[in-house]
Protein backbone atom coordinates (compact mmCIF):
# COMPACT_ATOMS: atom_id res chain seq x y z
CA UNK A 1 0.00 0.00 0.00
CA UNK A 2 2.87 2.38 0.81
CA UNK A 3 4.42 1.77 -2.63
CA UNK A 4 1.04 2.43 -4.28
CA UNK A 5 0.79 5.80 -2.50
CA UNK A 6 4.35 6.74 -3.58
CA UNK A 7 3.55 5.91 -7.20
CA UNK A 8 0.41 8.04 -7.13
CA UNK A 9 2.25 10.96 -5.54
CA UNK A 10 5.04 10.63 -8.11
CA UNK A 11 2.54 10.66 -10.97
CA UNK A 12 0.77 13.71 -9.57
CA UNK A 13 4.11 15.53 -9.23
CA UNK A 14 5.15 14.49 -12.74
CA UNK A 15 1.95 15.77 -14.34
CA UNK A 16 2.07 18.98 -12.31
CA UNK A 17 5.58 19.66 -13.63
CA UNK A 18 4.59 18.63 -17.13
CA UNK A 19 1.75 21.11 -17.31
CA UNK A 20 3.29 23.92 -15.26
CA UNK A 21 4.37 26.07 -18.20
CA UNK A 22 1.56 25.46 -20.67
CA UNK A 23 -0.19 28.77 -20.10
CA UNK A 24 2.93 30.89 -20.39
CA UNK A 25 4.91 29.54 -23.30
CA UNK A 26 2.80 30.37 -26.28
CA UNK A 27 1.34 33.51 -27.69
CA UNK A 28 -0.97 33.99 -30.60
CA UNK A 29 -0.78 36.83 -33.09
CA UNK A 30 -3.28 38.65 -30.89
CA UNK A 31 -0.81 38.49 -27.99
CA UNK A 32 2.22 39.83 -29.83
CA UNK A 33 2.71 42.19 -32.71
CA UNK A 34 6.42 41.47 -32.75
CA UNK A 35 8.19 40.33 -35.86
CA UNK A 36 10.83 37.64 -36.19
CA UNK A 37 13.32 40.36 -37.12
CA UNK A 38 12.79 42.02 -33.70
CA UNK A 39 13.42 38.68 -31.98
CA UNK A 40 16.49 38.03 -34.13
CA UNK A 41 17.86 41.52 -33.39
CA UNK A 42 17.73 40.85 -29.64
CA UNK A 43 19.41 37.46 -30.11
CA UNK A 44 22.10 38.92 -32.39
CA UNK A 45 22.83 41.80 -29.99
CA UNK A 46 23.79 39.23 -27.36
CA UNK A 47 26.26 37.24 -29.46
CA UNK A 48 29.56 36.89 -27.65
CA UNK A 49 28.14 37.32 -24.15
CA UNK A 50 29.51 34.77 -21.66
CA UNK A 51 27.82 31.60 -20.45
CA UNK A 52 27.01 31.29 -16.77
CA UNK A 53 24.89 28.49 -15.33
CA UNK A 54 21.58 29.89 -14.10
CA UNK A 55 22.13 33.32 -15.68
CA UNK A 56 19.17 35.08 -17.30
CA UNK A 57 20.94 38.13 -18.72
CA UNK A 58 21.57 40.76 -19.70
CA UNK A 59 25.33 40.38 -19.12
CA UNK A 60 25.53 36.54 -19.21
CA UNK A 61 23.21 33.65 -19.95
CA UNK A 62 22.61 29.95 -19.67
CA UNK A 63 20.73 28.34 -22.55
CA UNK A 64 17.16 28.69 -21.28
CA UNK A 65 17.92 32.04 -19.69
CA UNK A 66 18.98 33.20 -23.16
CA UNK A 67 15.84 31.95 -24.95
CA UNK A 68 13.63 33.39 -22.19
CA UNK A 69 15.40 36.75 -22.37
CA UNK A 70 15.22 36.95 -26.17
CA UNK A 71 11.51 36.10 -26.27
CA UNK A 72 10.67 38.54 -23.45
CA UNK A 73 12.65 41.46 -24.94
CA UNK A 74 12.02 40.71 -28.61
CA UNK A 75 8.40 39.54 -28.60
CA UNK A 76 7.00 40.23 -25.10
CA UNK A 77 6.45 36.48 -24.62
CA UNK A 78 7.21 34.86 -21.28
CA UNK A 79 8.73 31.39 -21.46
CA UNK A 80 9.18 28.90 -18.62
CA UNK A 81 12.61 29.12 -16.98
CA UNK A 82 14.28 25.79 -17.79
CA UNK A 83 14.98 24.01 -21.08
CA UNK A 84 12.88 21.03 -19.95
CA UNK A 85 9.94 23.28 -19.01
CA UNK A 86 10.21 25.14 -22.33
CA UNK A 87 10.16 21.82 -24.18
CA UNK A 88 7.19 20.55 -22.17
CA UNK A 89 5.21 23.76 -22.76
CA UNK A 90 5.91 24.20 -26.45
CA UNK A 91 3.83 23.18 -29.45
CA UNK A 92 5.99 20.43 -30.98
CA UNK A 93 7.07 20.72 -34.61
CA UNK A 94 9.18 18.40 -36.72
CA UNK A 95 12.65 19.39 -37.85
CA UNK A 96 11.50 19.63 -41.46
CA UNK A 97 8.77 22.10 -40.42
CA UNK A 98 10.98 24.40 -38.34
CA UNK A 99 10.37 28.11 -38.71
CA UNK A 100 12.71 30.93 -37.76
CA UNK A 101 12.13 31.70 -34.10
CA UNK A 102 11.22 28.15 -33.09
CA UNK A 103 13.11 26.55 -30.21
CA UNK A 104 15.30 23.49 -30.74
CA UNK A 105 15.98 21.08 -27.89
CA UNK A 106 18.76 18.67 -27.00
CA UNK A 107 19.41 16.01 -24.38
CA UNK A 108 19.03 12.28 -23.84
CA UNK A 109 15.32 12.15 -24.72
CA UNK A 110 12.08 14.11 -24.29
CA UNK A 111 12.17 13.52 -20.53
CA UNK A 112 15.80 14.61 -20.17
CA UNK A 113 16.17 17.91 -22.05
CA UNK A 114 19.40 19.65 -21.14
CA UNK A 115 19.83 22.38 -23.79
CA UNK A 116 17.78 24.77 -25.92
CA UNK A 117 18.59 27.13 -28.77
CA UNK A 118 16.77 29.62 -31.00
CA UNK A 119 16.38 28.46 -34.59
CA UNK A 120 17.48 31.19 -37.06
CA UNK A 121 17.14 29.33 -40.36
CA UNK A 122 19.37 27.33 -42.69
CA UNK A 123 20.02 24.64 -40.06
CA UNK A 124 21.52 27.18 -37.62
CA UNK A 125 20.65 28.32 -34.12
CA UNK A 126 21.82 30.94 -31.66
CA UNK A 127 22.38 29.45 -28.23
CA UNK A 128 24.18 30.05 -24.98
CA UNK A 129 26.65 27.30 -24.16
CA UNK A 130 30.10 26.89 -22.66
CA UNK A 131 31.64 29.07 -25.43
CA UNK A 132 29.10 31.83 -24.70
CA UNK A 133 26.29 33.02 -26.96
CA UNK A 134 27.14 31.80 -30.45
CA UNK A 135 25.64 30.80 -33.78
CA UNK A 136 26.11 27.12 -34.62
CA UNK A 137 24.55 24.21 -36.49
CA UNK A 138 21.50 22.59 -34.93
CA UNK A 139 22.78 19.17 -35.95
CA UNK A 140 26.31 19.68 -34.58
CA UNK A 141 27.92 16.38 -33.55
CA UNK A 142 28.16 17.41 -29.88
CA UNK A 143 24.37 17.87 -29.51
CA UNK A 144 21.75 15.14 -29.45
CA UNK A 145 18.76 16.80 -31.12
CA UNK A 146 15.53 15.70 -29.42
CA UNK A 147 12.85 17.96 -30.86
CA UNK A 148 11.54 21.44 -31.62
CA UNK A 149 8.72 23.66 -30.49
CA UNK A 150 6.84 26.56 -32.05
CA UNK A 151 6.34 29.44 -29.62
CA UNK A 152 4.43 32.13 -31.48
CA UNK A 153 3.32 33.31 -34.90
CA UNK A 154 4.99 36.51 -36.04
CA UNK A 155 3.48 39.28 -38.18
C-alpha atoms as a PDB file:
ATOM      1  CA  UNK A   1       0.000   0.000   0.000  1.00  0.00           C
ATOM      2  CA  UNK A   2       2.873   2.377   0.813  1.00  0.00           C
ATOM      3  CA  UNK A   3       4.415   1.768  -2.631  1.00  0.00           C
ATOM      4  CA  UNK A   4       1.043   2.429  -4.277  1.00  0.00           C
ATOM      5  CA  UNK A   5       0.794   5.799  -2.496  1.00  0.00           C
ATOM      6  CA  UNK A   6       4.348   6.742  -3.576  1.00  0.00           C
ATOM      7  CA  UNK A   7       3.548   5.913  -7.197  1.00  0.00           C
ATOM      8  CA  UNK A   8       0.414   8.036  -7.134  1.00  0.00           C
ATOM      9  CA  UNK A   9       2.253  10.962  -5.542  1.00  0.00           C
ATOM     10  CA  UNK A  10       5.040  10.625  -8.107  1.00  0.00           C
ATOM     11  CA  UNK A  11       2.538  10.662 -10.968  1.00  0.00           C
ATOM     12  CA  UNK A  12       0.769  13.715  -9.568  1.00  0.00           C
ATOM     13  CA  UNK A  13       4.109  15.529  -9.228  1.00  0.00           C
ATOM     14  CA  UNK A  14       5.146  14.494 -12.743  1.00  0.00           C
ATOM     15  CA  UNK A  15       1.948  15.770 -14.341  1.00  0.00           C
ATOM     16  CA  UNK A  16       2.068  18.983 -12.310  1.00  0.00           C
ATOM     17  CA  UNK A  17       5.578  19.665 -13.627  1.00  0.00           C
ATOM     18  CA  UNK A  18       4.592  18.627 -17.128  1.00  0.00           C
ATOM     19  CA  UNK A  19       1.752  21.108 -17.314  1.00  0.00           C
ATOM     20  CA  UNK A  20       3.294  23.921 -15.261  1.00  0.00           C
ATOM     21  CA  UNK A  21       4.367  26.074 -18.197  1.00  0.00           C
ATOM     22  CA  UNK A  22       1.558  25.456 -20.674  1.00  0.00           C
ATOM     23  CA  UNK A  23      -0.193  28.771 -20.099  1.00  0.00           C
ATOM     24  CA  UNK A  24       2.931  30.893 -20.393  1.00  0.00           C
ATOM     25  CA  UNK A  25       4.912  29.539 -23.298  1.00  0.00           C
ATOM     26  CA  UNK A  26       2.796  30.367 -26.279  1.00  0.00           C
ATOM     27  CA  UNK A  27       1.336  33.513 -27.693  1.00  0.00           C
ATOM     28  CA  UNK A  28      -0.971  33.992 -30.598  1.00  0.00           C
ATOM     29  CA  UNK A  29      -0.780  36.830 -33.090  1.00  0.00           C
ATOM     30  CA  UNK A  30      -3.280  38.650 -30.889  1.00  0.00           C
ATOM     31  CA  UNK A  31      -0.807  38.488 -27.986  1.00  0.00           C
ATOM     32  CA  UNK A  32       2.222  39.827 -29.828  1.00  0.00           C
ATOM     33  CA  UNK A  33       2.706  42.186 -32.714  1.00  0.00           C
ATOM     34  CA  UNK A  34       6.422  41.474 -32.748  1.00  0.00           C
ATOM     35  CA  UNK A  35       8.194  40.335 -35.855  1.00  0.00           C
ATOM     36  CA  UNK A  36      10.830  37.642 -36.189  1.00  0.00           C
ATOM     37  CA  UNK A  37      13.318  40.356 -37.121  1.00  0.00           C
ATOM     38  CA  UNK A  38      12.790  42.015 -33.696  1.00  0.00           C
ATOM     39  CA  UNK A  39      13.420  38.680 -31.983  1.00  0.00           C
ATOM     40  CA  UNK A  40      16.485  38.028 -34.133  1.00  0.00           C
ATOM     41  CA  UNK A  41      17.861  41.518 -33.389  1.00  0.00           C
ATOM     42  CA  UNK A  42      17.734  40.849 -29.641  1.00  0.00           C
ATOM     43  CA  UNK A  43      19.411  37.463 -30.111  1.00  0.00           C
ATOM     44  CA  UNK A  44      22.101  38.919 -32.388  1.00  0.00           C
ATOM     45  CA  UNK A  45      22.832  41.796 -29.989  1.00  0.00           C
ATOM     46  CA  UNK A  46      23.793  39.231 -27.356  1.00  0.00           C
ATOM     47  CA  UNK A  47      26.260  37.240 -29.464  1.00  0.00           C
ATOM     48  CA  UNK A  48      29.557  36.890 -27.647  1.00  0.00           C
ATOM     49  CA  UNK A  49      28.141  37.318 -24.146  1.00  0.00           C
ATOM     50  CA  UNK A  50      29.512  34.774 -21.665  1.00  0.00           C
ATOM     51  CA  UNK A  51      27.819  31.599 -20.455  1.00  0.00           C
ATOM     52  CA  UNK A  52      27.010  31.288 -16.775  1.00  0.00           C
ATOM     53  CA  UNK A  53      24.891  28.489 -15.330  1.00  0.00           C
ATOM     54  CA  UNK A  54      21.578  29.894 -14.097  1.00  0.00           C
ATOM     55  CA  UNK A  55      22.126  33.315 -15.685  1.00  0.00           C
ATOM     56  CA  UNK A  56      19.169  35.080 -17.295  1.00  0.00           C
ATOM     57  CA  UNK A  57      20.938  38.129 -18.720  1.00  0.00           C
ATOM     58  CA  UNK A  58      21.567  40.760 -19.700  1.00  0.00           C
ATOM     59  CA  UNK A  59      25.331  40.382 -19.124  1.00  0.00           C
ATOM     60  CA  UNK A  60      25.527  36.544 -19.208  1.00  0.00           C
ATOM     61  CA  UNK A  61      23.215  33.651 -19.952  1.00  0.00           C
ATOM     62  CA  UNK A  62      22.606  29.952 -19.669  1.00  0.00           C
ATOM     63  CA  UNK A  63      20.728  28.337 -22.552  1.00  0.00           C
ATOM     64  CA  UNK A  64      17.159  28.686 -21.282  1.00  0.00           C
ATOM     65  CA  UNK A  65      17.924  32.039 -19.690  1.00  0.00           C
ATOM     66  CA  UNK A  66      18.978  33.201 -23.162  1.00  0.00           C
ATOM     67  CA  UNK A  67      15.836  31.954 -24.952  1.00  0.00           C
ATOM     68  CA  UNK A  68      13.629  33.388 -22.186  1.00  0.00           C
ATOM     69  CA  UNK A  69      15.398  36.754 -22.375  1.00  0.00           C
ATOM     70  CA  UNK A  70      15.218  36.946 -26.173  1.00  0.00           C
ATOM     71  CA  UNK A  71      11.514  36.103 -26.269  1.00  0.00           C
ATOM     72  CA  UNK A  72      10.671  38.538 -23.454  1.00  0.00           C
ATOM     73  CA  UNK A  73      12.650  41.457 -24.935  1.00  0.00           C
ATOM     74  CA  UNK A  74      12.016  40.712 -28.611  1.00  0.00           C
ATOM     75  CA  UNK A  75       8.397  39.539 -28.602  1.00  0.00           C
ATOM     76  CA  UNK A  76       7.004  40.229 -25.104  1.00  0.00           C
ATOM     77  CA  UNK A  77       6.450  36.481 -24.620  1.00  0.00           C
ATOM     78  CA  UNK A  78       7.214  34.855 -21.276  1.00  0.00           C
ATOM     79  CA  UNK A  79       8.734  31.386 -21.458  1.00  0.00           C
ATOM     80  CA  UNK A  80       9.176  28.903 -18.619  1.00  0.00           C
ATOM     81  CA  UNK A  81      12.611  29.125 -16.979  1.00  0.00           C
ATOM     82  CA  UNK A  82      14.278  25.787 -17.793  1.00  0.00           C
ATOM     83  CA  UNK A  83      14.981  24.014 -21.077  1.00  0.00           C
ATOM     84  CA  UNK A  84      12.885  21.035 -19.950  1.00  0.00           C
ATOM     85  CA  UNK A  85       9.941  23.277 -19.012  1.00  0.00           C
ATOM     86  CA  UNK A  86      10.210  25.144 -22.330  1.00  0.00           C
ATOM     87  CA  UNK A  87      10.157  21.823 -24.181  1.00  0.00           C
ATOM     88  CA  UNK A  88       7.187  20.554 -22.165  1.00  0.00           C
ATOM     89  CA  UNK A  89       5.206  23.756 -22.757  1.00  0.00           C
ATOM     90  CA  UNK A  90       5.914  24.197 -26.448  1.00  0.00           C
ATOM     91  CA  UNK A  91       3.835  23.181 -29.449  1.00  0.00           C
ATOM     92  CA  UNK A  92       5.992  20.430 -30.980  1.00  0.00           C
ATOM     93  CA  UNK A  93       7.066  20.724 -34.614  1.00  0.00           C
ATOM     94  CA  UNK A  94       9.175  18.396 -36.717  1.00  0.00           C
ATOM     95  CA  UNK A  95      12.654  19.387 -37.847  1.00  0.00           C
ATOM     96  CA  UNK A  96      11.497  19.634 -41.458  1.00  0.00           C
ATOM     97  CA  UNK A  97       8.767  22.099 -40.417  1.00  0.00           C
ATOM     98  CA  UNK A  98      10.982  24.397 -38.345  1.00  0.00           C
ATOM     99  CA  UNK A  99      10.366  28.113 -38.714  1.00  0.00           C
ATOM    100  CA  UNK A 100      12.707  30.930 -37.763  1.00  0.00           C
ATOM    101  CA  UNK A 101      12.126  31.702 -34.099  1.00  0.00           C
ATOM    102  CA  UNK A 102      11.223  28.148 -33.093  1.00  0.00           C
ATOM    103  CA  UNK A 103      13.106  26.550 -30.212  1.00  0.00           C
ATOM    104  CA  UNK A 104      15.301  23.490 -30.736  1.00  0.00           C
ATOM    105  CA  UNK A 105      15.978  21.079 -27.885  1.00  0.00           C
ATOM    106  CA  UNK A 106      18.757  18.665 -27.001  1.00  0.00           C
ATOM    107  CA  UNK A 107      19.409  16.010 -24.384  1.00  0.00           C
ATOM    108  CA  UNK A 108      19.032  12.284 -23.836  1.00  0.00           C
ATOM    109  CA  UNK A 109      15.321  12.149 -24.716  1.00  0.00           C
ATOM    110  CA  UNK A 110      12.080  14.113 -24.286  1.00  0.00           C
ATOM    111  CA  UNK A 111      12.172  13.524 -20.527  1.00  0.00           C
ATOM    112  CA  UNK A 112      15.801  14.608 -20.166  1.00  0.00           C
ATOM    113  CA  UNK A 113      16.166  17.905 -22.047  1.00  0.00           C
ATOM    114  CA  UNK A 114      19.405  19.650 -21.140  1.00  0.00           C
ATOM    115  CA  UNK A 115      19.828  22.376 -23.788  1.00  0.00           C
ATOM    116  CA  UNK A 116      17.777  24.766 -25.919  1.00  0.00           C
ATOM    117  CA  UNK A 117      18.586  27.127 -28.766  1.00  0.00           C
ATOM    118  CA  UNK A 118      16.768  29.624 -30.996  1.00  0.00           C
ATOM    119  CA  UNK A 119      16.379  28.464 -34.594  1.00  0.00           C
ATOM    120  CA  UNK A 120      17.480  31.190 -37.055  1.00  0.00           C
ATOM    121  CA  UNK A 121      17.136  29.330 -40.356  1.00  0.00           C
ATOM    122  CA  UNK A 122      19.374  27.334 -42.693  1.00  0.00           C
ATOM    123  CA  UNK A 123      20.016  24.641 -40.064  1.00  0.00           C
ATOM    124  CA  UNK A 124      21.518  27.181 -37.623  1.00  0.00           C
ATOM    125  CA  UNK A 125      20.655  28.316 -34.119  1.00  0.00           C
ATOM    126  CA  UNK A 126      21.822  30.938 -31.661  1.00  0.00           C
ATOM    127  CA  UNK A 127      22.376  29.449 -28.235  1.00  0.00           C
ATOM    128  CA  UNK A 128      24.178  30.048 -24.976  1.00  0.00           C
ATOM    129  CA  UNK A 129      26.649  27.301 -24.160  1.00  0.00           C
ATOM    130  CA  UNK A 130      30.096  26.895 -22.664  1.00  0.00           C
ATOM    131  CA  UNK A 131      31.640  29.069 -25.427  1.00  0.00           C
ATOM    132  CA  UNK A 132      29.104  31.829 -24.701  1.00  0.00           C
ATOM    133  CA  UNK A 133      26.295  33.016 -26.963  1.00  0.00           C
ATOM    134  CA  UNK A 134      27.143  31.799 -30.455  1.00  0.00           C
ATOM    135  CA  UNK A 135      25.637  30.799 -33.776  1.00  0.00           C
ATOM    136  CA  UNK A 136      26.108  27.117 -34.619  1.00  0.00           C
ATOM    137  CA  UNK A 137      24.550  24.213 -36.490  1.00  0.00           C
ATOM    138  CA  UNK A 138      21.500  22.589 -34.934  1.00  0.00           C
ATOM    139  CA  UNK A 139      22.776  19.174 -35.953  1.00  0.00           C
ATOM    140  CA  UNK A 140      26.305  19.677 -34.583  1.00  0.00           C
ATOM    141  CA  UNK A 141      27.924  16.380 -33.549  1.00  0.00           C
ATOM    142  CA  UNK A 142      28.161  17.412 -29.878  1.00  0.00           C
ATOM    143  CA  UNK A 143      24.374  17.873 -29.507  1.00  0.00           C
ATOM    144  CA  UNK A 144      21.749  15.138 -29.450  1.00  0.00           C
ATOM    145  CA  UNK A 145      18.765  16.795 -31.124  1.00  0.00           C
ATOM    146  CA  UNK A 146      15.527  15.701 -29.417  1.00  0.00           C
ATOM    147  CA  UNK A 147      12.846  17.960 -30.862  1.00  0.00           C
ATOM    148  CA  UNK A 148      11.536  21.435 -31.624  1.00  0.00           C
ATOM    149  CA  UNK A 149       8.715  23.663 -30.492  1.00  0.00           C
ATOM    150  CA  UNK A 150       6.840  26.563 -32.048  1.00  0.00           C
ATOM    151  CA  UNK A 151       6.339  29.442 -29.616  1.00  0.00           C
ATOM    152  CA  UNK A 152       4.426  32.128 -31.476  1.00  0.00           C
ATOM    153  CA  UNK A 153       3.319  33.306 -34.895  1.00  0.00           C
ATOM    154  CA  UNK A 154       4.989  36.506 -36.039  1.00  0.00           C
ATOM    155  CA  UNK A 155       3.485  39.276 -38.184  1.00  0.00           C
END
